[in-house]
Amino acid sequence: MEGPGRDRVAAVAGILSVVVFVVGQYVAPVLVWPAEQVGGLVASFYANFEDRLLAEAILFGMASALFLIFLGGLWTVLGQAEGQQSQLAPVVVAAGAVTIGFVLLQAAILVALIALEESSLGIQEQGASPASRALFYLHEQVRNLALFPFAVFLGAAGAVAVRTGVLARWLGWVGVAFGLLVGVLAAGLIAGLDVGPADQVVFLVVAAWLAVLAFGVGWPLPSAARRVDEAMD
């Protein structure tokens, strides 16, 4: 612990989790519909990009482990700021943990989809099995559903920052706004709306916000430095 309520190990873990997750998001191409892969090993997307897809799953696992370490430090900082009547700090941790559970489930589905597509190459040359298509849909919907607890995490963390001043209040207001935005995005994706590149833009902007939040867990942000001691009392 560095200074009142500060945990630099958790801060570094949070920043690294954002970096690792962003790398994992773009280390492999976007998944394609399994039915489009016809013609054996050479034409199979899942065989051609197996190493990169598995790397994505591994990186998501690493990012999840680092994020859980960050959650522990974040809980300490927000819980001390709220005091004995802490209400939102447990919500932040629970929402973050549920989000990580969805991320790990998505990674597990990806690994299963790769294995199933590889095994199907030896027994068929036309199209994909119903199981592959089901896993593809499940992978996509798990990602969309993960946005709901993530929206709660963003909004609750932002609300604590606004109420207590333990972090920069502007960071808190941005977090609350991002929570609403991610919640709307989740509903739109599940409803089948075509959001174009908007989801990737939101992902990168929110990732930057998370990195700043993680930094604030270990080192007071400039605009919050004078209020930290008061918020911790």
Protein backbone atom coordinates (compact mmCIF):
# COMPACT_ATOMS: atom_id res chain seq x y z
CA MET A 1 0.00 0.00 0.00
CA GLU A 2 1.38 3.37 -0.99
CA GLY A 3 -0.15 6.33 0.83
CA PRO A 4 -3.65 6.39 2.27
CA GLY A 5 -5.79 3.79 0.54
CA ARG A 6 -3.44 3.43 -2.41
CA ASP A 7 -2.38 0.08 -3.86
CA ARG A 8 0.24 0.37 -6.59
CA VAL A 9 0.37 -3.37 -7.19
CA ALA A 10 -3.34 -3.34 -8.00
CA ALA A 11 -2.86 -0.20 -10.11
CA VAL A 12 -0.13 -1.82 -12.21
CA ALA A 13 -2.23 -4.99 -12.53
CA GLY A 14 -5.19 -2.91 -13.74
CA ILE A 15 -3.15 -1.05 -16.34
CA LEU A 16 -1.59 -4.32 -17.56
CA SER A 17 -5.02 -5.97 -17.74
CA VAL A 18 -6.23 -3.23 -20.08
CA VAL A 19 -3.13 -3.54 -22.28
CA VAL A 20 -3.33 -7.34 -22.43
CA PHE A 21 -7.06 -7.32 -23.16
CA VAL A 22 -6.69 -4.76 -25.97
CA VAL A 23 -3.88 -6.85 -27.52
CA GLY A 24 -6.04 -9.96 -27.21
CA GLN A 25 -8.93 -8.20 -28.88
CA TYR A 26 -6.89 -7.54 -32.02
CA VAL A 27 -4.34 -10.39 -32.09
CA ALA A 28 -6.66 -12.48 -34.28
CA PRO A 29 -9.16 -11.64 -37.04
CA VAL A 30 -12.85 -11.33 -36.24
CA LEU A 31 -14.53 -14.74 -36.20
CA VAL A 32 -16.34 -15.79 -39.36
CA TRP A 33 -19.52 -17.80 -39.73
CA PRO A 34 -18.48 -21.49 -39.71
CA ALA A 35 -20.79 -22.41 -42.60
CA GLU A 36 -18.69 -20.26 -44.94
CA GLN A 37 -15.61 -22.43 -44.43
CA VAL A 38 -15.71 -25.14 -47.08
CA GLY A 39 -12.96 -27.11 -48.77
CA GLY A 40 -10.81 -28.76 -46.13
CA LEU A 41 -7.79 -27.67 -44.13
CA VAL A 42 -6.43 -24.95 -46.44
CA ALA A 43 -9.76 -23.12 -46.69
CA SER A 44 -10.63 -23.34 -42.99
CA PHE A 45 -10.46 -20.06 -41.12
CA TYR A 46 -10.25 -21.79 -37.76
CA ALA A 47 -7.35 -24.01 -38.82
CA ASN A 48 -5.43 -21.27 -40.60
CA PHE A 49 -5.66 -18.89 -37.65
CA GLU A 50 -5.59 -21.48 -34.86
CA ASP A 51 -2.45 -20.10 -33.19
CA ARG A 52 -3.71 -16.52 -33.19
CA LEU A 53 -7.18 -17.51 -31.98
CA LEU A 54 -5.71 -19.58 -29.15
CA ALA A 55 -3.43 -16.64 -28.31
CA GLU A 56 -6.56 -14.48 -28.03
CA ALA A 57 -8.09 -16.93 -25.55
CA ILE A 58 -4.87 -17.07 -23.50
CA LEU A 59 -4.53 -13.29 -23.43
CA PHE A 60 -8.15 -12.95 -22.29
CA GLY A 61 -7.36 -15.36 -19.46
CA MET A 62 -4.27 -13.40 -18.46
CA ALA A 63 -6.17 -10.10 -18.62
CA SER A 64 -8.92 -11.58 -16.43
CA ALA A 65 -6.41 -12.69 -13.76
CA LEU A 66 -4.79 -9.25 -13.71
CA PHE A 67 -8.18 -7.53 -13.58
CA LEU A 68 -9.18 -9.56 -10.51
CA ILE A 69 -6.04 -8.32 -8.73
CA PHE A 70 -7.00 -4.79 -9.73
CA LEU A 71 -10.53 -5.31 -8.39
CA GLY A 72 -9.12 -6.16 -4.98
CA GLY A 73 -7.22 -2.87 -4.79
CA LEU A 74 -10.13 -0.92 -6.24
CA TRP A 75 -12.46 -2.35 -3.59
CA THR A 76 -10.06 -1.20 -0.87
CA VAL A 77 -9.83 2.34 -2.24
CA LEU A 78 -13.56 2.77 -2.89
CA GLY A 79 -14.59 0.99 0.31
CA GLN A 80 -12.40 3.22 2.48
CA ALA A 81 -13.73 6.27 0.68
CA GLU A 82 -17.37 5.28 1.31
CA GLY A 83 -16.71 4.31 4.92
CA GLN A 84 -18.61 1.78 7.02
CA GLN A 85 -21.83 2.40 5.11
CA SER A 86 -20.26 1.24 1.86
CA GLN A 87 -22.96 0.61 -0.75
CA LEU A 88 -21.49 0.91 -4.22
CA ALA A 89 -17.98 -0.52 -3.67
CA PRO A 90 -19.34 -4.11 -3.35
CA VAL A 91 -21.45 -3.53 -6.46
CA VAL A 92 -18.34 -2.45 -8.38
CA VAL A 93 -16.45 -5.60 -7.38
CA ALA A 94 -19.39 -7.93 -8.02
CA ALA A 95 -20.09 -6.42 -11.44
CA GLY A 96 -16.41 -6.59 -12.35
CA ALA A 97 -16.19 -10.24 -11.27
CA VAL A 98 -19.31 -11.19 -13.25
CA THR A 99 -17.89 -9.43 -16.31
CA ILE A 100 -14.64 -11.41 -15.96
CA GLY A 101 -16.69 -14.60 -15.69
CA PHE A 102 -18.31 -13.82 -19.04
CA VAL A 103 -14.91 -13.05 -20.59
CA LEU A 104 -13.51 -16.38 -19.42
CA LEU A 105 -16.61 -18.19 -20.69
CA GLN A 106 -16.16 -16.49 -24.07
CA ALA A 107 -12.53 -17.64 -24.19
CA ALA A 108 -13.55 -21.21 -23.31
CA ILE A 109 -16.18 -21.22 -26.07
CA LEU A 110 -13.58 -19.97 -28.54
CA VAL A 111 -11.22 -22.83 -27.67
CA ALA A 112 -14.07 -25.34 -27.98
CA LEU A 113 -15.09 -23.89 -31.35
CA ILE A 114 -11.53 -24.20 -32.69
CA ALA A 115 -11.28 -27.83 -31.55
CA LEU A 116 -14.70 -28.71 -32.99
CA GLU A 117 -13.95 -27.11 -36.36
CA GLU A 118 -10.59 -28.90 -36.58
CA SER A 119 -12.16 -32.28 -35.79
CA SER A 120 -14.91 -31.71 -38.34
CA LEU A 121 -12.35 -31.22 -41.14
CA GLY A 122 -11.51 -34.89 -41.09
CA ILE A 123 -15.09 -36.10 -41.48
CA GLN A 124 -16.76 -33.57 -43.75
CA GLU A 125 -15.96 -31.18 -46.53
CA GLN A 126 -19.22 -29.32 -46.92
CA GLY A 127 -20.22 -26.61 -44.51
CA ALA A 128 -20.04 -26.73 -40.75
CA SER A 129 -21.74 -28.81 -38.09
CA PRO A 130 -24.76 -27.47 -36.19
CA ALA A 131 -22.63 -27.57 -33.04
CA SER A 132 -20.09 -25.20 -34.61
CA ARG A 133 -22.81 -22.77 -35.57
CA ALA A 134 -24.29 -22.93 -32.07
CA LEU A 135 -20.88 -22.21 -30.50
CA PHE A 136 -20.38 -19.29 -32.89
CA TYR A 137 -23.70 -17.75 -31.83
CA LEU A 138 -22.97 -18.47 -28.16
CA HIS A 139 -19.55 -16.82 -28.39
CA GLU A 140 -21.10 -13.67 -29.83
CA GLN A 141 -23.98 -13.48 -27.36
CA VAL A 142 -21.77 -14.09 -24.31
CA ARG A 143 -19.71 -11.08 -25.40
CA ASN A 144 -22.86 -8.99 -25.71
CA LEU A 145 -24.25 -10.12 -22.35
CA ALA A 146 -20.94 -9.32 -20.64
CA LEU A 147 -21.57 -5.66 -21.46
CA PHE A 148 -24.46 -5.46 -18.97
CA PRO A 149 -22.45 -6.18 -15.79
CA PHE A 150 -19.60 -4.16 -17.28
CA ALA A 151 -21.96 -1.19 -17.63
CA VAL A 152 -22.86 -1.56 -13.95
CA PHE A 153 -19.15 -1.69 -13.06
CA LEU A 154 -18.46 1.53 -14.96
CA GLY A 155 -21.45 3.38 -13.57
CA ALA A 156 -20.96 2.26 -9.96
CA ALA A 157 -17.22 3.01 -9.95
CA GLY A 158 -17.92 6.41 -11.47
CA ALA A 159 -20.66 7.13 -8.93
CA VAL A 160 -18.32 6.41 -5.99
CA ALA A 161 -15.69 8.71 -7.50
CA VAL A 162 -18.26 11.49 -7.88
CA ARG A 163 -19.70 11.08 -4.37
CA THR A 164 -16.46 10.73 -2.42
CA GLY A 165 -13.85 12.57 -4.47
CA VAL A 166 -11.35 9.76 -3.81
CA LEU A 167 -10.61 9.88 -7.51
CA ALA A 168 -10.95 12.84 -9.86
CA ARG A 169 -14.65 13.70 -10.06
CA TRP A 170 -14.44 14.30 -13.80
CA LEU A 171 -13.29 10.68 -14.09
CA GLY A 172 -16.34 9.63 -12.13
CA TRP A 173 -18.76 11.56 -14.33
CA VAL A 174 -17.16 10.08 -17.43
CA GLY A 175 -17.49 6.62 -15.91
CA VAL A 176 -21.20 7.13 -15.23
CA ALA A 177 -21.70 8.32 -18.83
CA PHE A 178 -19.75 5.34 -20.17
CA GLY A 179 -21.86 3.00 -18.04
CA LEU A 180 -25.03 4.32 -19.66
CA LEU A 181 -23.45 4.18 -23.11
CA VAL A 182 -22.26 0.59 -22.71
CA GLY A 183 -25.67 -0.45 -21.39
CA VAL A 184 -27.40 1.02 -24.42
CA LEU A 185 -24.82 -0.60 -26.71
CA ALA A 186 -25.43 -3.99 -25.10
CA ALA A 187 -29.18 -3.72 -25.60
CA GLY A 188 -28.68 -2.67 -29.21
CA LEU A 189 -26.32 -5.53 -30.00
CA ILE A 190 -28.62 -8.14 -28.47
CA ALA A 191 -31.57 -6.63 -30.34
CA GLY A 192 -29.62 -7.14 -33.58
CA LEU A 193 -29.02 -3.49 -34.42
CA ASP A 194 -26.18 -2.77 -36.83
CA VAL A 195 -23.90 -0.47 -34.86
CA GLY A 196 -21.08 -0.53 -37.43
CA PRO A 197 -17.68 0.39 -35.99
CA ALA A 198 -19.25 2.10 -32.97
CA ASP A 199 -18.63 -0.87 -30.68
CA GLN A 200 -14.89 -0.82 -31.42
CA VAL A 201 -14.71 2.93 -30.82
CA VAL A 202 -16.50 2.55 -27.50
CA PHE A 203 -14.21 -0.35 -26.58
CA LEU A 204 -11.03 1.66 -27.11
CA VAL A 205 -12.31 4.79 -25.35
CA VAL A 206 -13.56 2.82 -22.34
CA ALA A 207 -10.26 0.91 -22.22
CA ALA A 208 -8.44 4.24 -21.95
CA TRP A 209 -10.78 5.28 -19.11
CA LEU A 210 -10.07 2.01 -17.29
CA ALA A 211 -6.32 2.60 -17.60
CA VAL A 212 -6.72 6.05 -16.01
CA LEU A 213 -8.92 4.54 -13.26
CA ALA A 214 -6.27 1.91 -12.56
CA PHE A 215 -3.60 4.60 -12.37
CA GLY A 216 -5.74 6.47 -9.86
CA VAL A 217 -5.85 3.42 -7.59
CA GLY A 218 -2.07 3.63 -7.15
CA TRP A 219 -1.35 7.33 -7.56
CA PRO A 220 -3.73 10.25 -6.87
CA LEU A 221 -4.76 11.99 -10.06
CA PRO A 222 -3.74 15.68 -10.15
CA SER A 223 -7.24 17.07 -9.78
CA ALA A 224 -8.00 14.71 -6.88
CA ALA A 225 -4.72 14.88 -4.97
CA ARG A 226 -5.87 17.56 -2.50
CA ARG A 227 -9.06 15.68 -1.67
CA VAL A 228 -7.64 12.20 -1.12
CA ASP A 229 -6.86 12.54 2.57
CA GLU A 230 -10.30 14.02 3.31
CA ALA A 231 -12.05 11.27 1.35
CA MET A 232 -10.16 8.60 3.25
CA ASP A 233 -11.01 10.01 6.71
